[in-house]
């Protein structure tokens, strides 16, 4: 890293040592700040999807991504038990409860 020559004074060595110590402190604090920033960033929670039952207007949660659904699908209503056909275009973001 640094090569000290015989003509170097002790004060030069102290200056270099202090500079390295400050540099390590700065690097350490920068790394900690970077780590804090990464952990402070929270990804938005995935919004649940749902369809509305055609009989009782209850929201039926849909698991998985909408893009993976077929164009037409059926799901049973957990409240009234009716199983109706839905289109992918009928899927919406579930209302918060």
N, C-alpha and C. Protein backbone atom coordinates (compact mmCIF):
# COMPACT_ATOMS: atom_id res chain seq x y z
N UNK A 1 0.83 -1.17 0.00
CA UNK A 1 0.00 0.00 0.00
C UNK A 1 0.88 1.24 0.00
N UNK A 2 1.42 1.61 1.15
CA UNK A 2 2.35 2.72 1.24
C UNK A 2 3.72 2.17 1.59
N UNK A 3 4.71 2.70 0.95
CA UNK A 3 6.06 2.25 1.26
C UNK A 3 6.77 3.40 1.95
N UNK A 4 7.16 3.18 3.16
CA UNK A 4 7.86 4.22 3.91
C UNK A 4 9.35 4.14 3.60
N UNK A 5 9.88 5.26 3.24
CA UNK A 5 11.31 5.32 2.96
C UNK A 5 12.04 5.73 4.23
N UNK A 6 13.32 5.42 4.35
CA UNK A 6 14.05 5.74 5.58
C UNK A 6 14.05 7.23 5.93
N UNK A 7 13.90 8.11 4.93
CA UNK A 7 13.92 9.55 5.20
C UNK A 7 12.59 10.04 5.76
N UNK A 8 11.57 9.22 5.76
CA UNK A 8 10.26 9.65 6.24
C UNK A 8 10.32 9.92 7.74
N UNK A 9 9.66 10.98 8.13
CA UNK A 9 9.63 11.33 9.55
C UNK A 9 8.48 10.63 10.24
N UNK A 10 8.56 10.53 11.51
CA UNK A 10 7.50 9.90 12.30
C UNK A 10 6.19 10.66 12.15
N UNK A 11 6.26 11.99 12.03
CA UNK A 11 5.04 12.78 11.87
C UNK A 11 4.34 12.44 10.56
N UNK A 12 5.12 12.13 9.50
CA UNK A 12 4.51 11.72 8.23
C UNK A 12 3.75 10.40 8.41
N UNK A 13 4.37 9.50 9.14
CA UNK A 13 3.71 8.22 9.39
C UNK A 13 2.41 8.42 10.17
N UNK A 14 2.43 9.32 11.15
CA UNK A 14 1.23 9.61 11.95
C UNK A 14 0.15 10.23 11.05
N UNK A 15 0.55 11.13 10.17
CA UNK A 15 -0.42 11.76 9.25
C UNK A 15 -1.06 10.71 8.34
N UNK A 16 -0.22 9.82 7.81
CA UNK A 16 -0.75 8.77 6.92
C UNK A 16 -1.67 7.84 7.70
N UNK A 17 -1.29 7.47 8.90
CA UNK A 17 -2.11 6.59 9.73
C UNK A 17 -3.45 7.25 10.05
N UNK A 18 -3.42 8.53 10.40
CA UNK A 18 -4.66 9.26 10.70
C UNK A 18 -5.55 9.36 9.46
N UNK A 19 -4.91 9.61 8.31
CA UNK A 19 -5.68 9.71 7.07
C UNK A 19 -6.36 8.39 6.75
N UNK A 20 -5.60 7.28 6.93
CA UNK A 20 -6.20 5.96 6.69
C UNK A 20 -7.33 5.67 7.66
N UNK A 21 -7.15 6.07 8.92
CA UNK A 21 -8.19 5.84 9.93
C UNK A 21 -9.44 6.63 9.58
N UNK A 22 -9.26 7.89 9.17
CA UNK A 22 -10.43 8.71 8.76
C UNK A 22 -11.09 8.11 7.54
N UNK A 23 -10.27 7.66 6.60
CA UNK A 23 -10.80 7.09 5.37
C UNK A 23 -11.62 5.84 5.69
N UNK A 24 -11.13 4.98 6.58
CA UNK A 24 -11.88 3.78 6.96
C UNK A 24 -13.19 4.16 7.65
N UNK A 25 -13.14 5.21 8.48
CA UNK A 25 -14.35 5.64 9.18
C UNK A 25 -15.37 6.14 8.17
N UNK A 26 -14.89 6.92 7.17
CA UNK A 26 -15.80 7.41 6.14
C UNK A 26 -16.38 6.27 5.33
N UNK A 27 -15.53 5.32 4.97
CA UNK A 27 -16.03 4.17 4.22
C UNK A 27 -17.03 3.36 5.02
N UNK A 28 -16.74 3.17 6.30
CA UNK A 28 -17.63 2.40 7.15
C UNK A 28 -18.99 3.11 7.28
N UNK A 29 -18.97 4.43 7.50
CA UNK A 29 -20.23 5.16 7.64
C UNK A 29 -21.00 5.18 6.32
N UNK A 30 -20.26 5.28 5.20
CA UNK A 30 -20.95 5.24 3.91
C UNK A 30 -21.60 3.89 3.68
N UNK A 31 -20.89 2.81 4.06
CA UNK A 31 -21.46 1.48 3.90
C UNK A 31 -22.67 1.29 4.79
N UNK A 32 -22.59 1.80 6.02
CA UNK A 32 -23.74 1.69 6.92
C UNK A 32 -24.93 2.48 6.41
N UNK A 33 -24.67 3.69 5.88
CA UNK A 33 -25.77 4.49 5.33
C UNK A 33 -26.39 3.80 4.13
N UNK A 34 -25.55 3.20 3.31
CA UNK A 34 -26.07 2.48 2.15
C UNK A 34 -26.93 1.30 2.60
N UNK A 35 -26.46 0.57 3.61
CA UNK A 35 -27.22 -0.55 4.13
C UNK A 35 -28.54 -0.07 4.71
N UNK A 36 -28.52 1.04 5.45
CA UNK A 36 -29.76 1.57 6.03
C UNK A 36 -30.73 1.95 4.94
N UNK A 37 -30.22 2.59 3.89
CA UNK A 37 -31.12 2.98 2.79
C UNK A 37 -31.76 1.76 2.15
N UNK A 38 -30.97 0.72 1.97
CA UNK A 38 -31.53 -0.47 1.34
C UNK A 38 -32.59 -1.12 2.22
N UNK A 39 -32.37 -1.14 3.53
CA UNK A 39 -33.35 -1.78 4.39
C UNK A 39 -34.55 -0.89 4.66
N UNK A 40 -34.37 0.44 4.55
CA UNK A 40 -35.49 1.34 4.76
C UNK A 40 -36.46 1.33 3.59
N UNK A 41 -35.97 0.96 2.42
CA UNK A 41 -36.84 0.93 1.25
C UNK A 41 -37.75 -0.28 1.36
N UNK A 42 -39.03 -0.03 1.43
CA UNK A 42 -39.95 -1.14 1.50
C UNK A 42 -40.73 -1.22 0.19
N UNK A 43 -40.82 -2.38 -0.32
CA UNK A 43 -41.57 -2.58 -1.54
C UNK A 43 -43.05 -2.52 -1.24
N UNK A 44 -43.81 -1.93 -2.14
CA UNK A 44 -45.25 -1.89 -1.88
C UNK A 44 -45.83 -3.30 -1.83
N UNK A 45 -46.74 -3.48 -0.93
CA UNK A 45 -47.38 -4.79 -0.81
C UNK A 45 -48.20 -5.06 -2.07
N UNK A 46 -48.19 -6.30 -2.46
CA UNK A 46 -48.96 -6.67 -3.65
C UNK A 46 -50.44 -6.44 -3.37
N UNK A 47 -51.07 -5.76 -4.28
CA UNK A 47 -52.49 -5.47 -4.11
C UNK A 47 -53.29 -6.73 -4.44
N UNK A 48 -54.18 -7.13 -3.56
CA UNK A 48 -54.99 -8.32 -3.85
C UNK A 48 -56.01 -8.01 -4.94
N UNK A 49 -56.23 -8.98 -5.78
CA UNK A 49 -57.22 -8.84 -6.84
C UNK A 49 -58.51 -9.53 -6.42
N UNK A 50 -59.60 -9.10 -7.00
CA UNK A 50 -60.90 -9.68 -6.66
C UNK A 50 -61.86 -9.52 -7.83
N UNK A 51 -62.92 -10.31 -7.77
CA UNK A 51 -64.07 -10.13 -8.65
C UNK A 51 -65.29 -9.99 -7.74
N UNK A 52 -66.34 -9.39 -8.24
CA UNK A 52 -67.55 -9.20 -7.44
C UNK A 52 -68.57 -10.26 -7.83
N UNK A 53 -69.11 -10.94 -6.82
CA UNK A 53 -70.11 -11.97 -7.05
C UNK A 53 -71.34 -11.35 -7.71
N UNK A 54 -71.85 -12.01 -8.71
CA UNK A 54 -73.01 -11.49 -9.44
C UNK A 54 -74.31 -11.69 -8.70
N UNK A 55 -74.32 -12.59 -7.69
CA UNK A 55 -75.53 -12.82 -6.89
C UNK A 55 -75.62 -11.89 -5.69
N UNK A 56 -74.57 -11.89 -4.87
CA UNK A 56 -74.65 -11.17 -3.58
C UNK A 56 -73.72 -9.97 -3.47
N UNK A 57 -73.00 -9.64 -4.53
CA UNK A 57 -72.10 -8.48 -4.56
C UNK A 57 -70.93 -8.57 -3.58
N UNK A 58 -70.58 -9.77 -3.15
CA UNK A 58 -69.43 -9.97 -2.27
C UNK A 58 -68.16 -9.99 -3.12
N UNK A 59 -67.10 -9.44 -2.60
CA UNK A 59 -65.83 -9.51 -3.32
C UNK A 59 -65.20 -10.87 -3.09
N UNK A 60 -64.83 -11.52 -4.17
CA UNK A 60 -64.18 -12.84 -4.12
C UNK A 60 -62.71 -12.63 -4.43
N UNK A 61 -61.83 -12.95 -3.48
CA UNK A 61 -60.39 -12.75 -3.75
C UNK A 61 -59.88 -13.70 -4.81
N UNK A 62 -59.00 -13.20 -5.64
CA UNK A 62 -58.37 -14.00 -6.69
C UNK A 62 -56.89 -14.11 -6.34
N UNK A 63 -56.41 -15.33 -6.18
CA UNK A 63 -55.01 -15.54 -5.86
C UNK A 63 -54.19 -15.57 -7.14
N UNK A 64 -53.00 -15.05 -7.06
CA UNK A 64 -52.10 -15.07 -8.22
C UNK A 64 -52.24 -13.81 -9.06
N UNK A 65 -51.49 -13.79 -10.14
CA UNK A 65 -51.47 -12.62 -11.02
C UNK A 65 -52.57 -12.71 -12.06
N UNK A 66 -53.09 -11.57 -12.41
CA UNK A 66 -54.17 -11.52 -13.39
C UNK A 66 -53.67 -12.00 -14.75
N UNK A 67 -52.43 -11.70 -15.07
CA UNK A 67 -51.90 -12.10 -16.38
C UNK A 67 -51.84 -13.62 -16.55
N UNK A 68 -51.85 -14.37 -15.43
CA UNK A 68 -51.81 -15.83 -15.51
C UNK A 68 -53.20 -16.44 -15.61
N UNK A 69 -54.23 -15.64 -15.46
CA UNK A 69 -55.60 -16.16 -15.55
C UNK A 69 -55.99 -16.39 -17.00
N UNK A 70 -56.85 -17.39 -17.25
CA UNK A 70 -57.38 -17.52 -18.60
C UNK A 70 -58.37 -16.39 -18.89
N UNK A 71 -58.75 -16.26 -20.13
CA UNK A 71 -59.66 -15.16 -20.50
C UNK A 71 -61.00 -15.29 -19.78
N UNK A 72 -61.50 -16.50 -19.59
CA UNK A 72 -62.73 -16.74 -18.83
C UNK A 72 -62.44 -17.80 -17.77
N UNK A 73 -62.93 -17.57 -16.57
CA UNK A 73 -62.69 -18.50 -15.47
C UNK A 73 -63.88 -18.44 -14.52
N UNK A 74 -63.99 -19.43 -13.64
CA UNK A 74 -65.07 -19.44 -12.67
C UNK A 74 -64.49 -19.60 -11.27
N UNK A 75 -65.11 -18.95 -10.32
CA UNK A 75 -64.72 -19.08 -8.91
C UNK A 75 -65.99 -19.16 -8.08
N UNK A 76 -65.96 -19.95 -6.99
CA UNK A 76 -67.14 -20.01 -6.13
C UNK A 76 -67.14 -18.82 -5.16
N UNK A 77 -68.33 -18.34 -4.87
CA UNK A 77 -68.47 -17.26 -3.89
C UNK A 77 -68.40 -17.87 -2.49
N UNK A 78 -67.58 -17.32 -1.61
CA UNK A 78 -67.50 -17.89 -0.26
C UNK A 78 -68.75 -17.63 0.58
N UNK A 79 -69.57 -16.64 0.19
CA UNK A 79 -70.75 -16.31 0.98
C UNK A 79 -71.99 -17.09 0.52
N UNK A 80 -72.34 -16.97 -0.76
CA UNK A 80 -73.56 -17.63 -1.23
C UNK A 80 -73.31 -18.97 -1.91
N UNK A 81 -72.06 -19.29 -2.22
CA UNK A 81 -71.74 -20.59 -2.82
C UNK A 81 -71.95 -20.67 -4.32
N UNK A 82 -72.45 -19.62 -4.94
CA UNK A 82 -72.69 -19.64 -6.39
C UNK A 82 -71.37 -19.62 -7.14
N UNK A 83 -71.29 -20.40 -8.20
CA UNK A 83 -70.10 -20.40 -9.05
C UNK A 83 -70.50 -19.79 -10.38
N UNK A 84 -69.93 -18.64 -10.66
CA UNK A 84 -70.25 -17.92 -11.90
C UNK A 84 -69.00 -17.77 -12.75
N UNK A 85 -69.21 -17.54 -14.03
CA UNK A 85 -68.11 -17.30 -14.97
C UNK A 85 -67.76 -15.81 -14.93
N UNK A 86 -66.47 -15.54 -14.95
CA UNK A 86 -65.96 -14.17 -14.98
C UNK A 86 -64.96 -14.05 -16.11
N UNK A 87 -64.82 -12.84 -16.62
CA UNK A 87 -63.79 -12.56 -17.62
C UNK A 87 -62.62 -11.86 -16.94
N UNK A 88 -61.46 -11.96 -17.56
CA UNK A 88 -60.28 -11.33 -16.99
C UNK A 88 -60.48 -9.82 -16.82
N UNK A 89 -61.26 -9.21 -17.67
CA UNK A 89 -61.48 -7.77 -17.60
C UNK A 89 -62.33 -7.38 -16.37
N UNK A 90 -63.00 -8.34 -15.73
CA UNK A 90 -63.81 -8.06 -14.54
C UNK A 90 -63.00 -8.04 -13.24
N UNK A 91 -61.75 -8.46 -13.31
CA UNK A 91 -60.89 -8.48 -12.12
C UNK A 91 -60.50 -7.05 -11.79
N UNK A 92 -60.62 -6.71 -10.50
CA UNK A 92 -60.27 -5.36 -10.04
C UNK A 92 -59.49 -5.47 -8.73
N UNK A 93 -58.94 -4.36 -8.31
CA UNK A 93 -58.20 -4.33 -7.05
C UNK A 93 -59.22 -4.39 -5.92
N UNK A 94 -58.99 -5.29 -4.98
CA UNK A 94 -59.91 -5.48 -3.87
C UNK A 94 -59.96 -4.22 -3.01
N UNK A 95 -61.15 -3.91 -2.54
CA UNK A 95 -61.30 -2.76 -1.65
C UNK A 95 -60.77 -3.12 -0.28
N UNK A 96 -60.09 -2.18 0.39
CA UNK A 96 -59.57 -2.50 1.73
C UNK A 96 -60.71 -2.77 2.69
N UNK A 97 -60.49 -3.73 3.59
CA UNK A 97 -61.54 -4.08 4.53
C UNK A 97 -61.34 -3.37 5.85
